[in-house]
Amino acid sequence: MILARVIGTVVATRKVKAFEGLKLMIVQPLDENIQPSGEPLVATDTQQSGPGQIVFYVASREASLPLPDPFNPSDATITGIVDSVDVQEG
C-alpha cells in the first residue's frame, strides 16, 4: 500500500467497460513524512474518496484485483481512506 493525497478528478465520457461506474482520481504519492513524493498519477477509486483526502492505493497487478472485473487496465486503485496519520520520530 502507498499513501497519497487526492488532488483532483478525471472526467471521462468514454471508458473501458471494466471502468464503468468507477471514479478516476488524480493522486499525489506521499513519503513517510506525508510530503509529496514523485509524480501524480490517475487511480481508479473503489472508496468514494474526494479531493484533499489522504488515501492508500495499490499499484501494478494488485491494482486490478479490487475492481469488479478482474480483467481491467488499472495501474493504481484506491483501496482505503486514511482517518489519521501519526508519524513518530525514531
PDB file of N, CA and C in Angstrom:
ATOM      1  N   MET A   1       0.845  -1.175   0.000  1.00  0.00           N
ATOM      2  CA  MET A   1       0.000   0.000   0.000  1.00  0.00           C
ATOM      3  C   MET A   1       0.887   1.234   0.000  1.00  0.00           C
ATOM      4  N   ILE A   2       0.405   2.257  -0.670  1.00  0.00           N
ATOM      5  CA  ILE A   2       1.131   3.515  -0.798  1.00  0.00           C
ATOM      6  C   ILE A   2       0.199   4.644  -0.376  1.00  0.00           C
ATOM      7  N   LEU A   3       0.703   5.546   0.459  1.00  0.00           N
ATOM      8  CA  LEU A   3      -0.103   6.705   0.854  1.00  0.00           C
ATOM      9  C   LEU A   3      -0.084   7.747  -0.239  1.00  0.00           C
ATOM     10  N   ALA A   4      -1.197   8.462  -0.399  1.00  0.00           N
ATOM     11  CA  ALA A   4      -1.296   9.526  -1.387  1.00  0.00           C
ATOM     12  C   ALA A   4      -2.376  10.512  -0.953  1.00  0.00           C
ATOM     13  N   ARG A   5      -2.319  11.704  -1.534  1.00  0.00           N
ATOM     14  CA  ARG A   5      -3.367  12.700  -1.327  1.00  0.00           C
ATOM     15  C   ARG A   5      -4.111  12.864  -2.641  1.00  0.00           C
ATOM     16  N   VAL A   6      -5.432  12.857  -2.572  1.00  0.00           N
ATOM     17  CA  VAL A   6      -6.246  13.080  -3.770  1.00  0.00           C
ATOM     18  C   VAL A   6      -6.155  14.557  -4.117  1.00  0.00           C
ATOM     19  N   ILE A   7      -5.702  14.853  -5.335  1.00  0.00           N
ATOM     20  CA  ILE A   7      -5.526  16.253  -5.729  1.00  0.00           C
ATOM     21  C   ILE A   7      -6.443  16.665  -6.878  1.00  0.00           C
ATOM     22  N   GLY A   8      -7.228  15.725  -7.386  1.00  0.00           N
ATOM     23  CA  GLY A   8      -8.142  16.092  -8.463  1.00  0.00           C
ATOM     24  C   GLY A   8      -8.944  14.910  -8.960  1.00  0.00           C
ATOM     25  N   THR A   9      -9.795  15.192  -9.912  1.00  0.00           N
ATOM     26  CA  THR A   9     -10.635  14.157 -10.515  1.00  0.00           C
ATOM     27  C   THR A   9     -10.417  14.142 -12.019  1.00  0.00           C
ATOM     28  N   VAL A  10     -10.746  13.033 -12.623  1.00  0.00           N
ATOM     29  CA  VAL A  10     -10.685  12.898 -14.074  1.00  0.00           C
ATOM     30  C   VAL A  10     -12.096  12.628 -14.557  1.00  0.00           C
ATOM     31  N   VAL A  11     -12.542  13.380 -15.535  1.00  0.00           N
ATOM     32  CA  VAL A  11     -13.858  13.161 -16.133  1.00  0.00           C
ATOM     33  C   VAL A  11     -13.627  12.556 -17.510  1.00  0.00           C
ATOM     34  N   ALA A  12     -14.163  11.375 -17.714  1.00  0.00           N
ATOM     35  CA  ALA A  12     -14.023  10.687 -18.996  1.00  0.00           C
ATOM     36  C   ALA A  12     -15.407  10.269 -19.475  1.00  0.00           C
ATOM     37  N   THR A  13     -15.817  10.759 -20.620  1.00  0.00           N
ATOM     38  CA  THR A  13     -17.128  10.394 -21.137  1.00  0.00           C
ATOM     39  C   THR A  13     -17.118   8.990 -21.728  1.00  0.00           C
ATOM     40  N   ARG A  14     -15.935   8.516 -22.112  1.00  0.00           N
ATOM     41  CA  ARG A  14     -15.813   7.154 -22.628  1.00  0.00           C
ATOM     42  C   ARG A  14     -14.719   6.450 -21.843  1.00  0.00           C
ATOM     43  N   LYS A  15     -15.046   5.267 -21.335  1.00  0.00           N
ATOM     44  CA  LYS A  15     -14.096   4.462 -20.568  1.00  0.00           C
ATOM     45  C   LYS A  15     -14.177   3.023 -21.050  1.00  0.00           C
ATOM     46  N   VAL A  16     -13.155   2.253 -20.717  1.00  0.00           N
ATOM     47  CA  VAL A  16     -13.260   0.815 -20.992  1.00  0.00           C
ATOM     48  C   VAL A  16     -14.398   0.266 -20.131  1.00  0.00           C
ATOM     49  N   LYS A  17     -15.006  -0.786 -20.594  1.00  0.00           N
ATOM     50  CA  LYS A  17     -16.182  -1.345 -19.906  1.00  0.00           C
ATOM     51  C   LYS A  17     -15.886  -1.668 -18.440  1.00  0.00           C
ATOM     52  N   ALA A  18     -14.688  -2.135 -18.133  1.00  0.00           N
ATOM     53  CA  ALA A  18     -14.327  -2.507 -16.762  1.00  0.00           C
ATOM     54  C   ALA A  18     -14.320  -1.308 -15.811  1.00  0.00           C
ATOM     55  N   PHE A  19     -14.235  -0.086 -16.350  1.00  0.00           N
ATOM     56  CA  PHE A  19     -14.206   1.120 -15.511  1.00  0.00           C
ATOM     57  C   PHE A  19     -15.567   1.788 -15.391  1.00  0.00           C
ATOM     58  N   GLU A  20     -16.602   1.258 -16.040  1.00  0.00           N
ATOM     59  CA  GLU A  20     -17.924   1.867 -15.963  1.00  0.00           C
ATOM     60  C   GLU A  20     -18.410   1.892 -14.519  1.00  0.00           C
ATOM     61  N   GLY A  21     -18.881   3.050 -14.079  1.00  0.00           N
ATOM     62  CA  GLY A  21     -19.376   3.204 -12.720  1.00  0.00           C
ATOM     63  C   GLY A  21     -18.300   3.530 -11.697  1.00  0.00           C
ATOM     64  N   LEU A  22     -17.037   3.577 -12.112  1.00  0.00           N
ATOM     65  CA  LEU A  22     -15.940   3.896 -11.191  1.00  0.00           C
ATOM     66  C   LEU A  22     -15.447   5.324 -11.416  1.00  0.00           C
ATOM     67  N   LYS A  23     -15.051   5.971 -10.320  1.00  0.00           N
ATOM     68  CA  LYS A  23     -14.447   7.295 -10.433  1.00  0.00           C
ATOM     69  C   LYS A  23     -12.956   7.141 -10.702  1.00  0.00           C
ATOM     70  N   LEU A  24     -12.405   8.113 -11.413  1.00  0.00           N
ATOM     71  CA  LEU A  24     -10.966   8.191 -11.632  1.00  0.00           C
ATOM     72  C   LEU A  24     -10.459   9.436 -10.916  1.00  0.00           C
ATOM     73  N   MET A  25      -9.451   9.258 -10.061  1.00  0.00           N
ATOM     74  CA  MET A  25      -8.931  10.357  -9.255  1.00  0.00           C
ATOM     75  C   MET A  25      -7.452  10.572  -9.558  1.00  0.00           C
ATOM     76  N   ILE A  26      -7.006  11.819  -9.443  1.00  0.00           N
ATOM     77  CA  ILE A  26      -5.580  12.128  -9.546  1.00  0.00           C
ATOM     78  C   ILE A  26      -5.031  12.133  -8.131  1.00  0.00           C
ATOM     79  N   VAL A  27      -3.999  11.325  -7.892  1.00  0.00           N
ATOM     80  CA  VAL A  27      -3.416  11.225  -6.564  1.00  0.00           C
ATOM     81  C   VAL A  27      -1.943  11.600  -6.600  1.00  0.00           C
ATOM     82  N   GLN A  28      -1.486  12.247  -5.521  1.00  0.00           N
ATOM     83  CA  GLN A  28      -0.084  12.607  -5.351  1.00  0.00           C
ATOM     84  C   GLN A  28       0.500  11.671  -4.296  1.00  0.00           C
ATOM     85  N   PRO A  29       1.416  10.763  -4.693  1.00  0.00           N
ATOM     86  CA  PRO A  29       2.036   9.895  -3.695  1.00  0.00           C
ATOM     87  C   PRO A  29       2.730  10.709  -2.600  1.00  0.00           C
ATOM     88  N   LEU A  30       2.752  10.145  -1.382  1.00  0.00           N
ATOM     89  CA  LEU A  30       3.340  10.816  -0.230  1.00  0.00           C
ATOM     90  C   LEU A  30       4.464   9.970   0.353  1.00  0.00           C
ATOM     91  N   ASP A  31       5.461  10.645   0.964  1.00  0.00           N
ATOM     92  CA  ASP A  31       6.540   9.918   1.622  1.00  0.00           C
ATOM     93  C   ASP A  31       6.193   9.661   3.085  1.00  0.00           C
ATOM     94  N   GLU A  32       7.157   9.174   3.857  1.00  0.00           N
ATOM     95  CA  GLU A  32       6.908   8.832   5.256  1.00  0.00           C
ATOM     96  C   GLU A  32       6.620  10.040   6.136  1.00  0.00           C
ATOM     97  N   ASN A  33       6.911  11.257   5.640  1.00  0.00           N
ATOM     98  CA  ASN A  33       6.610  12.488   6.372  1.00  0.00           C
ATOM     99  C   ASN A  33       5.361  13.182   5.835  1.00  0.00           C
ATOM    100  N   ILE A  34       4.585  12.469   5.044  1.00  0.00           N
ATOM    101  CA  ILE A  34       3.349  12.966   4.436  1.00  0.00           C
ATOM    102  C   ILE A  34       3.620  14.165   3.526  1.00  0.00           C
ATOM    103  N   GLN A  35       4.766  14.141   2.852  1.00  0.00           N
ATOM    104  CA  GLN A  35       5.143  15.157   1.876  1.00  0.00           C
ATOM    105  C   GLN A  35       5.078  14.547   0.482  1.00  0.00           C
ATOM    106  N   PRO A  36       4.784  15.375  -0.549  1.00  0.00           N
ATOM    107  CA  PRO A  36       4.722  14.856  -1.915  1.00  0.00           C
ATOM    108  C   PRO A  36       6.004  14.123  -2.305  1.00  0.00           C
ATOM    109  N   SER A  37       5.833  13.011  -3.002  1.00  0.00           N
ATOM    110  CA  SER A  37       6.959  12.184  -3.423  1.00  0.00           C
ATOM    111  C   SER A  37       6.651  11.602  -4.795  1.00  0.00           C
ATOM    112  N   GLY A  38       7.365  12.032  -5.808  1.00  0.00           N
ATOM    113  CA  GLY A  38       7.129  11.514  -7.150  1.00  0.00           C
ATOM    114  C   GLY A  38       6.051  12.281  -7.887  1.00  0.00           C
ATOM    115  N   GLU A  39       5.701  11.748  -9.039  1.00  0.00           N
ATOM    116  CA  GLU A  39       4.730  12.382  -9.928  1.00  0.00           C
ATOM    117  C   GLU A  39       3.304  11.938  -9.596  1.00  0.00           C
ATOM    118  N   PRO A  40       2.338  12.843  -9.761  1.00  0.00           N
ATOM    119  CA  PRO A  40       0.930  12.451  -9.591  1.00  0.00           C
ATOM    120  C   PRO A  40       0.535  11.394 -10.623  1.00  0.00           C
ATOM    121  N   LEU A  41      -0.499  10.620 -10.307  1.00  0.00           N
ATOM    122  CA  LEU A  41      -0.980   9.599 -11.225  1.00  0.00           C
ATOM    123  C   LEU A  41      -2.489   9.460 -11.108  1.00  0.00           C
ATOM    124  N   VAL A  42      -3.071   8.777 -12.069  1.00  0.00           N
ATOM    125  CA  VAL A  42      -4.517   8.537 -12.078  1.00  0.00           C
ATOM    126  C   VAL A  42      -4.777   7.170 -11.458  1.00  0.00           C
ATOM    127  N   ALA A  43      -5.738   7.117 -10.534  1.00  0.00           N
ATOM    128  CA  ALA A  43      -6.099   5.855  -9.874  1.00  0.00           C
ATOM    129  C   ALA A  43      -7.608   5.661  -9.942  1.00  0.00           C
ATOM    130  N   THR A  44      -8.035   4.425 -10.147  1.00  0.00           N
ATOM    131  CA  THR A  44      -9.451   4.121 -10.014  1.00  0.00           C
ATOM    132  C   THR A  44      -9.794   4.196  -8.533  1.00  0.00           C
ATOM    133  N   ASP A  45     -11.035   4.541  -8.235  1.00  0.00           N
ATOM    134  CA  ASP A  45     -11.426   4.778  -6.843  1.00  0.00           C
ATOM    135  C   ASP A  45     -12.537   3.819  -6.435  1.00  0.00           C
ATOM    136  N   THR A  46     -12.231   2.929  -5.507  1.00  0.00           N
ATOM    137  CA  THR A  46     -13.237   1.990  -5.003  1.00  0.00           C
ATOM    138  C   THR A  46     -13.824   2.455  -3.680  1.00  0.00           C
ATOM    139  N   GLN A  47     -13.395   3.617  -3.166  1.00  0.00           N
ATOM    140  CA  GLN A  47     -13.789   4.044  -1.827  1.00  0.00           C
ATOM    141  C   GLN A  47     -14.559   5.362  -1.770  1.00  0.00           C
ATOM    142  N   GLN A  48     -14.857   5.947  -2.906  1.00  0.00           N
ATOM    143  CA  GLN A  48     -15.580   7.225  -2.957  1.00  0.00           C
ATOM    144  C   GLN A  48     -14.819   8.338  -2.232  1.00  0.00           C
ATOM    145  N   SER A  49     -13.530   8.436  -2.491  1.00  0.00           N
ATOM    146  CA  SER A  49     -12.706   9.481  -1.882  1.00  0.00           C
ATOM    147  C   SER A  49     -12.954  10.810  -2.580  1.00  0.00           C
ATOM    148  N   GLY A  50     -12.440  11.871  -1.972  1.00  0.00           N
ATOM    149  CA  GLY A  50     -12.621  13.205  -2.532  1.00  0.00           C
ATOM    150  C   GLY A  50     -11.339  14.005  -2.468  1.00  0.00           C
ATOM    151  N   PRO A  51     -11.281  15.108  -3.211  1.00  0.00           N
ATOM    152  CA  PRO A  51     -10.090  15.953  -3.217  1.00  0.00           C
ATOM    153  C   PRO A  51      -9.690  16.385  -1.804  1.00  0.00           C
ATOM    154  N   GLY A  52      -8.385  16.319  -1.534  1.00  0.00           N
ATOM    155  CA  GLY A  52      -7.840  16.718  -0.248  1.00  0.00           C
ATOM    156  C   GLY A  52      -7.684  15.571   0.733  1.00  0.00           C
ATOM    157  N   GLN A  53      -8.350  14.462   0.513  1.00  0.00           N
ATOM    158  CA  GLN A  53      -8.259  13.331   1.439  1.00  0.00           C
ATOM    159  C   GLN A  53      -6.956  12.561   1.234  1.00  0.00           C
ATOM    160  N   ILE A  54      -6.451  12.007   2.337  1.00  0.00           N
ATOM    161  CA  ILE A  54      -5.317  11.100   2.255  1.00  0.00           C
ATOM    162  C   ILE A  54      -5.887   9.698   2.104  1.00  0.00           C
ATOM    163  N   VAL A  55      -5.350   8.963   1.148  1.00  0.00           N
ATOM    164  CA  VAL A  55      -5.828   7.625   0.835  1.00  0.00           C
ATOM    165  C   VAL A  55      -4.634   6.683   0.755  1.00  0.00           C
ATOM    166  N   PHE A  56      -4.920   5.390   0.670  1.00  0.00           N
ATOM    167  CA  PHE A  56      -3.861   4.463   0.296  1.00  0.00           C
ATOM    168  C   PHE A  56      -4.316   3.706  -0.934  1.00  0.00           C
ATOM    169  N   TYR A  57      -3.322   3.359  -1.765  1.00  0.00           N
ATOM    170  CA  TYR A  57      -3.636   2.679  -3.008  1.00  0.00           C
ATOM    171  C   TYR A  57      -2.662   1.540  -3.246  1.00  0.00           C
ATOM    172  N   VAL A  58      -3.066   0.644  -4.121  1.00  0.00           N
ATOM    173  CA  VAL A  58      -2.202  -0.435  -4.563  1.00  0.00           C
ATOM    174  C   VAL A  58      -1.898  -0.204  -6.038  1.00  0.00           C
ATOM    175  N   ALA A  59      -0.754  -0.713  -6.466  1.00  0.00           N
ATOM    176  CA  ALA A  59      -0.312  -0.483  -7.841  1.00  0.00           C
ATOM    177  C   ALA A  59       0.062  -1.806  -8.508  1.00  0.00           C
ATOM    178  N   SER A  60       0.363  -1.725  -9.772  1.00  0.00           N
ATOM    179  CA  SER A  60       0.773  -2.869 -10.588  1.00  0.00           C
ATOM    180  C   SER A  60      -0.371  -3.871 -10.731  1.00  0.00           C
ATOM    181  N   ARG A  61      -0.071  -5.141 -10.750  1.00  0.00           N
ATOM    182  CA  ARG A  61      -1.086  -6.177 -10.948  1.00  0.00           C
ATOM    183  C   ARG A  61      -2.137  -6.150  -9.837  1.00  0.00           C
ATOM    184  N   GLU A  62      -1.706  -5.826  -8.609  1.00  0.00           N
ATOM    185  CA  GLU A  62      -2.640  -5.782  -7.490  1.00  0.00           C
ATOM    186  C   GLU A  62      -3.730  -4.731  -7.681  1.00  0.00           C
ATOM    187  N   ALA A  63      -3.483  -3.724  -8.515  1.00  0.00           N
ATOM    188  CA  ALA A  63      -4.464  -2.662  -8.742  1.00  0.00           C
ATOM    189  C   ALA A  63      -5.717  -3.175  -9.442  1.00  0.00           C
ATOM    190  N   SER A  64      -5.599  -4.234 -10.189  1.00  0.00           N
ATOM    191  CA  SER A  64      -6.772  -4.751 -10.908  1.00  0.00           C
ATOM    192  C   SER A  64      -7.650  -5.634 -10.029  1.00  0.00           C
ATOM    193  N   LEU A  65      -7.101  -6.171  -8.947  1.00  0.00           N
ATOM    194  CA  LEU A  65      -7.833  -7.139  -8.132  1.00  0.00           C
ATOM    195  C   LEU A  65      -9.037  -6.585  -7.373  1.00  0.00           C
ATOM    196  N   PRO A  66      -9.009  -5.341  -6.822  1.00  0.00           N
ATOM    197  CA  PRO A  66     -10.179  -4.855  -6.083  1.00  0.00           C
ATOM    198  C   PRO A  66     -11.375  -4.473  -6.965  1.00  0.00           C
ATOM    199  N   LEU A  67     -11.188  -4.413  -8.266  1.00  0.00           N
ATOM    200  CA  LEU A  67     -12.258  -3.973  -9.167  1.00  0.00           C
ATOM    201  C   LEU A  67     -13.186  -5.132  -9.516  1.00  0.00           C
ATOM    202  N   PRO A  68     -14.452  -4.828  -9.798  1.00  0.00           N
ATOM    203  CA  PRO A  68     -15.426  -5.885 -10.089  1.00  0.00           C
ATOM    204  C   PRO A  68     -15.016  -6.807 -11.247  1.00  0.00           C
ATOM    205  N   ASP A  69     -14.450  -6.243 -12.299  1.00  0.00           N
ATOM    206  CA  ASP A  69     -13.989  -7.035 -13.438  1.00  0.00           C
ATOM    207  C   ASP A  69     -12.482  -7.211 -13.303  1.00  0.00           C
ATOM    208  N   PRO A  70     -11.991  -8.413 -13.030  1.00  0.00           N
ATOM    209  CA  PRO A  70     -10.560  -8.605 -12.806  1.00  0.00           C
ATOM    210  C   PRO A  70      -9.698  -8.391 -14.050  1.00  0.00           C
ATOM    211  N   PHE A  71     -10.320  -8.350 -15.225  1.00  0.00           N
ATOM    212  CA  PHE A  71      -9.580  -8.115 -16.460  1.00  0.00           C
ATOM    213  C   PHE A  71      -9.739  -6.654 -16.858  1.00  0.00           C
ATOM    214  N   ASN A  72      -8.933  -5.794 -16.231  1.00  0.00           N
ATOM    215  CA  ASN A  72      -9.026  -4.355 -16.466  1.00  0.00           C
ATOM    216  C   ASN A  72      -7.626  -3.769 -16.564  1.00  0.00           C
ATOM    217  N   PRO A  73      -7.500  -2.579 -17.143  1.00  0.00           N
ATOM    218  CA  PRO A  73      -6.182  -1.980 -17.340  1.00  0.00           C
ATOM    219  C   PRO A  73      -5.721  -1.041 -16.215  1.00  0.00           C
ATOM    220  N   SER A  74      -6.222  -1.194 -15.006  1.00  0.00           N
ATOM    221  CA  SER A  74      -5.858  -0.287 -13.917  1.00  0.00           C
ATOM    222  C   SER A  74      -4.398  -0.480 -13.489  1.00  0.00           C
ATOM    223  N   ASP A  75      -3.669   0.634 -13.370  1.00  0.00           N
ATOM    224  CA  ASP A  75      -2.301   0.622 -12.851  1.00  0.00           C
ATOM    225  C   ASP A  75      -2.263   1.018 -11.384  1.00  0.00           C
ATOM    226  N   ALA A  76      -3.333   1.658 -10.886  1.00  0.00           N
ATOM    227  CA  ALA A  76      -3.410   2.078  -9.481  1.00  0.00           C
ATOM    228  C   ALA A  76      -4.877   2.117  -9.072  1.00  0.00           C
ATOM    229  N   THR A  77      -5.164   1.621  -7.864  1.00  0.00           N
ATOM    230  CA  THR A  77      -6.537   1.613  -7.348  1.00  0.00           C
ATOM    231  C   THR A  77      -6.537   2.041  -5.892  1.00  0.00           C
ATOM    232  N   ILE A  78      -7.366   3.047  -5.589  1.00  0.00           N
ATOM    233  CA  ILE A  78      -7.526   3.497  -4.201  1.00  0.00           C
ATOM    234  C   ILE A  78      -8.323   2.431  -3.460  1.00  0.00           C
ATOM    235  N   THR A  79      -7.745   1.935  -2.347  1.00  0.00           N
ATOM    236  CA  THR A  79      -8.400   0.859  -1.601  1.00  0.00           C
ATOM    237  C   THR A  79      -8.794   1.273  -0.196  1.00  0.00           C
ATOM    238  N   GLY A  80      -8.468   2.498   0.219  1.00  0.00           N
ATOM    239  CA  GLY A  80      -8.869   2.932   1.554  1.00  0.00           C
ATOM    240  C   GLY A  80      -8.677   4.422   1.749  1.00  0.00           C
ATOM    241  N   ILE A  81      -9.443   4.976   2.676  1.00  0.00           N
ATOM    242  CA  ILE A  81      -9.332   6.381   3.064  1.00  0.00           C
ATOM    243  C   ILE A  81      -8.718   6.421   4.459  1.00  0.00           C
ATOM    244  N   VAL A  82      -7.692   7.241   4.629  1.00  0.00           N
ATOM    245  CA  VAL A  82      -6.962   7.324   5.889  1.00  0.00           C
ATOM    246  C   VAL A  82      -7.665   8.310   6.819  1.00  0.00           C
ATOM    247  N   ASP A  83      -7.945   7.883   8.049  1.00  0.00           N
ATOM    248  CA  ASP A  83      -8.575   8.748   9.037  1.00  0.00           C
ATOM    249  C   ASP A  83      -7.546   9.642   9.722  1.00  0.00           C
ATOM    250  N   SER A  84      -6.396   9.085  10.064  1.00  0.00           N
ATOM    251  CA  SER A  84      -5.355   9.891  10.697  1.00  0.00           C
ATOM    252  C   SER A  84      -3.997   9.237  10.460  1.00  0.00           C
ATOM    253  N   VAL A  85      -2.956  10.052  10.572  1.00  0.00           N
ATOM    254  CA  VAL A  85      -1.587   9.589  10.420  1.00  0.00           C
ATOM    255  C   VAL A  85      -0.791  10.101  11.610  1.00  0.00           C
ATOM    256  N   ASP A  86      -0.051   9.221  12.261  1.00  0.00           N
ATOM    257  CA  ASP A  86       0.795   9.592  13.387  1.00  0.00           C
ATOM    258  C   ASP A  86       2.205   9.130  13.089  1.00  0.00           C
ATOM    259  N   VAL A  87       3.085  10.075  12.786  1.00  0.00           N
ATOM    260  CA  VAL A  87       4.472   9.759  12.478  1.00  0.00           C
ATOM    261  C   VAL A  87       5.314  10.102  13.691  1.00  0.00           C
ATOM    262  N   GLN A  88       5.997   9.100  14.249  1.00  0.00           N
ATOM    263  CA  GLN A  88       6.831   9.310  15.416  1.00  0.00           C
ATOM    264  C   GLN A  88       8.302   9.286  15.008  1.00  0.00           C
ATOM    265  N   GLU A  89       9.050  10.233  15.528  1.00  0.00           N
ATOM    266  CA  GLU A  89      10.491  10.282  15.270  1.00  0.00           C
ATOM    267  C   GLU A  89      11.149   9.117  15.992  1.00  0.00           C
ATOM    268  N   GLY A  90      12.045   8.406  15.331  1.00  0.00           N
ATOM    269  CA  GLY A  90      12.640   7.243  15.956  1.00  0.00           C
ATOM    270  C   GLY A  90      14.051   7.354  16.095  1.00  0.00           C
TER     271      GLY A  90
END
